[in-house]
PDB file of N, CA and C in Angstrom:
ATOM      1  N   UNK A   1     103.499  72.335  66.159  1.00  0.00           N
ATOM      2  CA  UNK A   1     104.769  73.369  67.174  1.00  0.00           C
ATOM      3  C   UNK A   1     106.367  73.095  66.923  1.00  0.00           C
ATOM      4  N   UNK A   2     107.238  73.205  66.883  1.00  0.00           N
ATOM      5  CA  UNK A   2     108.175  72.622  66.510  1.00  0.00           C
ATOM      6  C   UNK A   2     109.140  72.668  68.294  1.00  0.00           C
ATOM      7  N   UNK A   3     110.228  70.917  67.568  1.00  0.00           N
ATOM      8  CA  UNK A   3     110.888  70.879  69.601  1.00  0.00           C
ATOM      9  C   UNK A   3     112.151  70.558  68.717  1.00  0.00           C
ATOM     10  N   UNK A   4     112.809  70.925  69.549  1.00  0.00           N
ATOM     11  CA  UNK A   4     114.180  71.270  69.218  1.00  0.00           C
ATOM     12  C   UNK A   4     115.024  69.966  69.625  1.00  0.00           C
ATOM     13  N   UNK A   5     115.802  69.640  68.695  1.00  0.00           N
ATOM     14  CA  UNK A   5     116.054  67.871  68.709  1.00  0.00           C
ATOM     15  C   UNK A   5     117.230  67.477  69.364  1.00  0.00           C
ATOM     16  N   UNK A   6     117.957  67.411  70.095  1.00  0.00           N
ATOM     17  CA  UNK A   6     118.402  67.137  70.798  1.00  0.00           C
ATOM     18  C   UNK A   6     119.565  65.460  70.532  1.00  0.00           C
ATOM     19  N   UNK A   7     120.622  65.520  70.951  1.00  0.00           N
ATOM     20  CA  UNK A   7     121.254  63.897  70.993  1.00  0.00           C
ATOM     21  C   UNK A   7     120.923  62.544  71.426  1.00  0.00           C
ATOM     22  N   UNK A   8     119.102  62.845  72.330  1.00  0.00           N
ATOM     23  CA  UNK A   8     118.768  61.709  72.492  1.00  0.00           C
ATOM     24  C   UNK A   8     118.273  61.401  74.315  1.00  0.00           C
ATOM     25  N   UNK A   9     119.844  62.158  74.614  1.00  0.00           N
ATOM     26  CA  UNK A   9     120.230  61.517  76.188  1.00  0.00           C
ATOM     27  C   UNK A   9     119.738  63.173  76.584  1.00  0.00           C
ATOM     28  N   UNK A  10     119.167  62.330  78.017  1.00  0.00           N
ATOM     29  CA  UNK A  10     118.738  63.771  78.323  1.00  0.00           C
ATOM     30  C   UNK A  10     120.077  64.517  79.304  1.00  0.00           C
ATOM     31  N   UNK A  11     119.566  65.330  79.632  1.00  0.00           N
ATOM     32  CA  UNK A  11     119.770  66.982  80.196  1.00  0.00           C
ATOM     33  C   UNK A  11     119.008  67.271  81.071  1.00  0.00           C
ATOM     34  N   UNK A  12     119.653  66.152  81.735  1.00  0.00           N
ATOM     35  CA  UNK A  12     118.652  66.922  83.699  1.00  0.00           C
ATOM     36  C   UNK A  12     118.831  68.006  84.550  1.00  0.00           C
ATOM     37  N   UNK A  13     120.254  68.785  83.448  1.00  0.00           N
ATOM     38  CA  UNK A  13     120.575  69.998  84.782  1.00  0.00           C
ATOM     39  C   UNK A  13     120.000  70.822  83.547  1.00  0.00           C
ATOM     40  N   UNK A  14     119.493  70.972  82.965  1.00  0.00           N
ATOM     41  CA  UNK A  14     118.144  71.611  81.706  1.00  0.00           C
ATOM     42  C   UNK A  14     116.670  71.578  81.661  1.00  0.00           C
ATOM     43  N   UNK A  15     116.315  70.228  82.317  1.00  0.00           N
ATOM     44  CA  UNK A  15     115.822  69.400  82.342  1.00  0.00           C
ATOM     45  C   UNK A  15     113.732  70.331  82.314  1.00  0.00           C
ATOM     46  N   UNK A  16     113.908  70.599  83.907  1.00  0.00           N
ATOM     47  CA  UNK A  16     113.180  71.771  84.882  1.00  0.00           C
ATOM     48  C   UNK A  16     113.008  73.221  82.966  1.00  0.00           C
ATOM     49  N   UNK A  17     113.825  73.258  83.328  1.00  0.00           N
ATOM     50  CA  UNK A  17     113.199  74.482  81.680  1.00  0.00           C
ATOM     51  C   UNK A  17     113.256  73.749  80.624  1.00  0.00           C
ATOM     52  N   UNK A  18     113.746  72.837  80.580  1.00  0.00           N
ATOM     53  CA  UNK A  18     112.994  72.219  78.580  1.00  0.00           C
ATOM     54  C   UNK A  18     111.230  71.267  79.048  1.00  0.00           C
ATOM     55  N   UNK A  19     111.143  71.524  80.022  1.00  0.00           N
ATOM     56  CA  UNK A  19     109.896  71.727  80.011  1.00  0.00           C
ATOM     57  C   UNK A  19     109.294  72.086  80.554  1.00  0.00           C
ATOM     58  N   UNK A  20     109.479  73.463  80.936  1.00  0.00           N
ATOM     59  CA  UNK A  20     108.504  74.437  80.912  1.00  0.00           C
ATOM     60  C   UNK A  20     108.789  75.456  79.562  1.00  0.00           C
ATOM     61  N   UNK A  21     109.589  75.032  78.652  1.00  0.00           N
ATOM     62  CA  UNK A  21     109.123  75.843  77.119  1.00  0.00           C
ATOM     63  C   UNK A  21     108.645  74.963  76.697  1.00  0.00           C
ATOM     64  N   UNK A  22     108.712  73.539  76.958  1.00  0.00           N
ATOM     65  CA  UNK A  22     107.992  73.090  76.309  1.00  0.00           C
ATOM     66  C   UNK A  22     106.198  73.234  76.330  1.00  0.00           C
ATOM     67  N   UNK A  23     106.213  73.090  77.557  1.00  0.00           N
ATOM     68  CA  UNK A  23     104.630  73.334  78.063  1.00  0.00           C
ATOM     69  C   UNK A  23     104.484  75.022  77.823  1.00  0.00           C
ATOM     70  N   UNK A  24     105.013  75.685  77.279  1.00  0.00           N
ATOM     71  CA  UNK A  24     104.668  77.122  77.211  1.00  0.00           C
ATOM     72  C   UNK A  24     103.889  76.768  75.357  1.00  0.00           C
ATOM     73  N   UNK A  25     104.973  75.962  74.978  1.00  0.00           N
ATOM     74  CA  UNK A  25     104.623  75.963  73.523  1.00  0.00           C
ATOM     75  C   UNK A  25     103.206  75.056  73.626  1.00  0.00           C
ATOM     76  N   UNK A  26     102.660  75.046  74.157  1.00  0.00           N
ATOM     77  CA  UNK A  26     101.373  73.536  74.383  1.00  0.00           C
ATOM     78  C   UNK A  26     100.560  73.806  74.161  1.00  0.00           C
ATOM     79  N   UNK A  27     100.986  74.989  75.792  1.00  0.00           N
ATOM     80  CA  UNK A  27      98.600  75.581  75.326  1.00  0.00           C
ATOM     81  C   UNK A  27      99.404  76.845  74.556  1.00  0.00           C
ATOM     82  N   UNK A  28     100.114  76.887  74.426  1.00  0.00           N
ATOM     83  CA  UNK A  28      99.860  78.696  72.713  1.00  0.00           C
ATOM     84  C   UNK A  28      99.097  77.817  71.701  1.00  0.00           C
ATOM     85  N   UNK A  29      99.411  76.510  71.274  1.00  0.00           N
ATOM     86  CA  UNK A  29      98.835  75.563  70.734  1.00  0.00           C
ATOM     87  C   UNK A  29      97.708  75.371  70.916  1.00  0.00           C
ATOM     88  N   UNK A  30      97.894  74.444  72.473  1.00  0.00           N
ATOM     89  CA  UNK A  30      96.134  74.429  72.622  1.00  0.00           C
ATOM     90  C   UNK A  30      95.258  75.733  72.086  1.00  0.00           C
ATOM     91  N   UNK A  31      95.742  76.058  72.506  1.00  0.00           N
ATOM     92  CA  UNK A  31      95.053  78.893  72.682  1.00  0.00           C
ATOM     93  C   UNK A  31      94.534  78.477  70.847  1.00  0.00           C
ATOM     94  N   UNK A  32      95.695  78.018  69.653  1.00  0.00           N
ATOM     95  CA  UNK A  32      95.692  78.770  68.481  1.00  0.00           C
ATOM     96  C   UNK A  32      94.327  77.666  68.319  1.00  0.00           C
ATOM     97  N   UNK A  33      94.680  76.385  68.884  1.00  0.00           N
ATOM     98  CA  UNK A  33      94.309  74.474  67.736  1.00  0.00           C
ATOM     99  C   UNK A  33      92.251  75.256  68.490  1.00  0.00           C
ATOM    100  N   UNK A  34      92.386  75.075  69.934  1.00  0.00           N
ATOM    101  CA  UNK A  34      91.278  75.036  70.381  1.00  0.00           C
ATOM    102  C   UNK A  34      90.373  75.832  71.278  1.00  0.00           C
ATOM    103  N   UNK A  35      91.565  76.848  71.360  1.00  0.00           N
ATOM    104  CA  UNK A  35      90.516  78.350  72.215  1.00  0.00           C
ATOM    105  C   UNK A  35      91.342  78.476  73.640  1.00  0.00           C
ATOM    106  N   UNK A  36      90.635  80.556  74.461  1.00  0.00           N
ATOM    107  CA  UNK A  36      90.977  80.381  75.642  1.00  0.00           C
ATOM    108  C   UNK A  36      90.946  79.758  76.698  1.00  0.00           C
ATOM    109  N   UNK A  37      89.664  78.609  76.606  1.00  0.00           N
ATOM    110  CA  UNK A  37      89.257  77.270  77.255  1.00  0.00           C
ATOM    111  C   UNK A  37      90.099  76.955  78.388  1.00  0.00           C
ATOM    112  N   UNK A  38      89.554  76.216  76.197  1.00  0.00           N
ATOM    113  CA  UNK A  38      90.574  74.540  76.550  1.00  0.00           C
ATOM    114  C   UNK A  38      91.862  74.576  76.615  1.00  0.00           C
ATOM    115  N   UNK A  39      93.019  75.827  76.227  1.00  0.00           N
ATOM    116  CA  UNK A  39      94.725  76.558  76.473  1.00  0.00           C
ATOM    117  C   UNK A  39      94.385  76.164  78.447  1.00  0.00           C
ATOM    118  N   UNK A  40      93.644  76.951  79.217  1.00  0.00           N
ATOM    119  CA  UNK A  40      92.702  77.883  80.324  1.00  0.00           C
ATOM    120  C   UNK A  40      92.699  76.199  81.013  1.00  0.00           C
ATOM    121  N   UNK A  41      92.348  75.275  80.901  1.00  0.00           N
ATOM    122  CA  UNK A  41      91.838  73.926  80.775  1.00  0.00           C
ATOM    123  C   UNK A  41      93.145  73.123  81.103  1.00  0.00           C
ATOM    124  N   UNK A  42      94.011  73.230  79.724  1.00  0.00           N
ATOM    125  CA  UNK A  42      94.602  72.330  79.942  1.00  0.00           C
ATOM    126  C   UNK A  42      95.558  72.857  81.381  1.00  0.00           C
ATOM    127  N   UNK A  43      95.947  74.005  81.631  1.00  0.00           N
ATOM    128  CA  UNK A  43      97.115  74.359  82.302  1.00  0.00           C
ATOM    129  C   UNK A  43      96.710  74.462  83.954  1.00  0.00           C
ATOM    130  N   UNK A  44      95.428  74.227  84.010  1.00  0.00           N
ATOM    131  CA  UNK A  44      95.078  73.981  85.714  1.00  0.00           C
ATOM    132  C   UNK A  44      95.344  72.946  85.658  1.00  0.00           C
ATOM    133  N   UNK A  45      95.025  71.960  84.599  1.00  0.00           N
ATOM    134  CA  UNK A  45      95.509  69.755  84.881  1.00  0.00           C
ATOM    135  C   UNK A  45      97.061  69.340  85.039  1.00  0.00           C
ATOM    136  N   UNK A  46      97.993  70.490  83.644  1.00  0.00           N
ATOM    137  CA  UNK A  46      99.455  69.878  83.846  1.00  0.00           C
ATOM    138  C   UNK A  46      99.693  71.388  85.224  1.00  0.00           C
ATOM    139  N   UNK A  47      99.229  72.453  85.737  1.00  0.00           N
ATOM    140  CA  UNK A  47      99.423  72.383  87.113  1.00  0.00           C
ATOM    141  C   UNK A  47      99.320  71.401  88.352  1.00  0.00           C
ATOM    142  N   UNK A  48      98.668  71.036  88.521  1.00  0.00           N
ATOM    143  CA  UNK A  48      97.444  70.799  89.273  1.00  0.00           C
ATOM    144  C   UNK A  48      98.821  68.710  88.770  1.00  0.00           C
ATOM    145  N   UNK A  49      99.520  68.250  87.647  1.00  0.00           N
ATOM    146  CA  UNK A  49      99.995  67.125  87.979  1.00  0.00           C
ATOM    147  C   UNK A  49     101.151  67.090  87.075  1.00  0.00           C
ATOM    148  N   UNK A  50     102.035  67.870  88.320  1.00  0.00           N
ATOM    149  CA  UNK A  50     102.869  67.971  87.244  1.00  0.00           C
ATOM    150  C   UNK A  50     103.887  67.039  86.481  1.00  0.00           C
ATOM    151  N   UNK A  51     103.402  65.988  87.378  1.00  0.00           N
ATOM    152  CA  UNK A  51     103.851  64.135  86.286  1.00  0.00           C
ATOM    153  C   UNK A  51     103.198  64.218  85.259  1.00  0.00           C
ATOM    154  N   UNK A  52     102.422  64.035  84.777  1.00  0.00           N
ATOM    155  CA  UNK A  52     101.046  64.838  83.405  1.00  0.00           C
ATOM    156  C   UNK A  52     102.448  65.000  81.952  1.00  0.00           C
ATOM    157  N   UNK A  53     102.658  66.208  82.890  1.00  0.00           N
ATOM    158  CA  UNK A  53     103.410  67.524  82.049  1.00  0.00           C
ATOM    159  C   UNK A  53     105.278  66.498  82.016  1.00  0.00           C
ATOM    160  N   UNK A  54     104.830  65.946  81.794  1.00  0.00           N
ATOM    161  CA  UNK A  54     106.629  65.628  82.449  1.00  0.00           C
ATOM    162  C   UNK A  54     106.704  64.350  81.379  1.00  0.00           C
ATOM    163  N   UNK A  55     105.622  64.061  81.277  1.00  0.00           N
ATOM    164  CA  UNK A  55     105.048  62.320  80.421  1.00  0.00           C
ATOM    165  C   UNK A  55     104.205  63.380  79.067  1.00  0.00           C
ATOM    166  N   UNK A  56     103.920  63.676  79.260  1.00  0.00           N
ATOM    167  CA  UNK A  56     103.470  64.678  77.571  1.00  0.00           C
ATOM    168  C   UNK A  56     104.747  65.166  76.911  1.00  0.00           C
ATOM    169  N   UNK A  57     105.553  65.958  78.094  1.00  0.00           N
ATOM    170  CA  UNK A  57     106.801  66.091  77.059  1.00  0.00           C
ATOM    171  C   UNK A  57     108.024  65.086  76.883  1.00  0.00           C
ATOM    172  N   UNK A  58     107.574  63.985  77.508  1.00  0.00           N
ATOM    173  CA  UNK A  58     108.945  62.952  76.998  1.00  0.00           C
ATOM    174  C   UNK A  58     108.716  62.429  75.672  1.00  0.00           C
ATOM    175  N   UNK A  59     106.685  62.137  75.318  1.00  0.00           N
ATOM    176  CA  UNK A  59     106.141  61.874  74.558  1.00  0.00           C
ATOM    177  C   UNK A  59     106.279  62.518  73.618  1.00  0.00           C
ATOM    178  N   UNK A  60     106.122  63.290  73.467  1.00  0.00           N
ATOM    179  CA  UNK A  60     106.821  64.414  72.423  1.00  0.00           C
ATOM    180  C   UNK A  60     107.825  64.304  72.177  1.00  0.00           C
ATOM    181  N   UNK A  61     108.983  64.967  72.641  1.00  0.00           N
ATOM    182  CA  UNK A  61     110.086  64.007  72.743  1.00  0.00           C
ATOM    183  C   UNK A  61     110.379  63.061  72.196  1.00  0.00           C
ATOM    184  N   UNK A  62     110.102  61.325  71.812  1.00  0.00           N
ATOM    185  CA  UNK A  62     109.564  60.001  71.926  1.00  0.00           C
ATOM    186  C   UNK A  62     109.801  60.895  69.839  1.00  0.00           C
ATOM    187  N   UNK A  63     108.887  61.190  69.844  1.00  0.00           N
ATOM    188  CA  UNK A  63     107.356  61.317  68.722  1.00  0.00           C
ATOM    189  C   UNK A  63     108.306  62.346  67.871  1.00  0.00           C
ATOM    190  N   UNK A  64     109.518  62.875  68.442  1.00  0.00           N
ATOM    191  CA  UNK A  64     109.868  63.684  67.422  1.00  0.00           C
ATOM    192  C   UNK A  64     110.942  63.282  67.079  1.00  0.00           C
ATOM    193  N   UNK A  65     111.520  62.540  68.035  1.00  0.00           N
ATOM    194  CA  UNK A  65     113.618  61.573  67.332  1.00  0.00           C
ATOM    195  C   UNK A  65     112.083  60.582  66.523  1.00  0.00           C
ATOM    196  N   UNK A  66     111.710  60.129  66.480  1.00  0.00           N
ATOM    197  CA  UNK A  66     111.037  59.161  65.609  1.00  0.00           C
ATOM    198  C   UNK A  66     111.311  59.406  64.241  1.00  0.00           C
ATOM    199  N   UNK A  67     110.576  61.143  63.784  1.00  0.00           N
ATOM    200  CA  UNK A  67     111.141  60.991  63.390  1.00  0.00           C
ATOM    201  C   UNK A  67     111.263  61.851  62.485  1.00  0.00           C
ATOM    202  N   UNK A  68     112.830  62.218  63.182  1.00  0.00           N
ATOM    203  CA  UNK A  68     113.693  62.507  62.165  1.00  0.00           C
ATOM    204  C   UNK A  68     114.290  61.284  61.548  1.00  0.00           C
TER     205      UNK A  68
END
């Protein structure tokens, strides 16, 4: 899954769309790697816990920034 790099600053005006795009890619990656059942379970978990989705998004952005 490729993550678009930005300036390192949070653009709050696009945060919801950014997290939604990340979530779509995350679920696609999960489906390809672990199968449909695991992707469905992840989607249900993240829908029930939106703060977890945001946390995972932030962690992925931090990892990507460190790798750059």
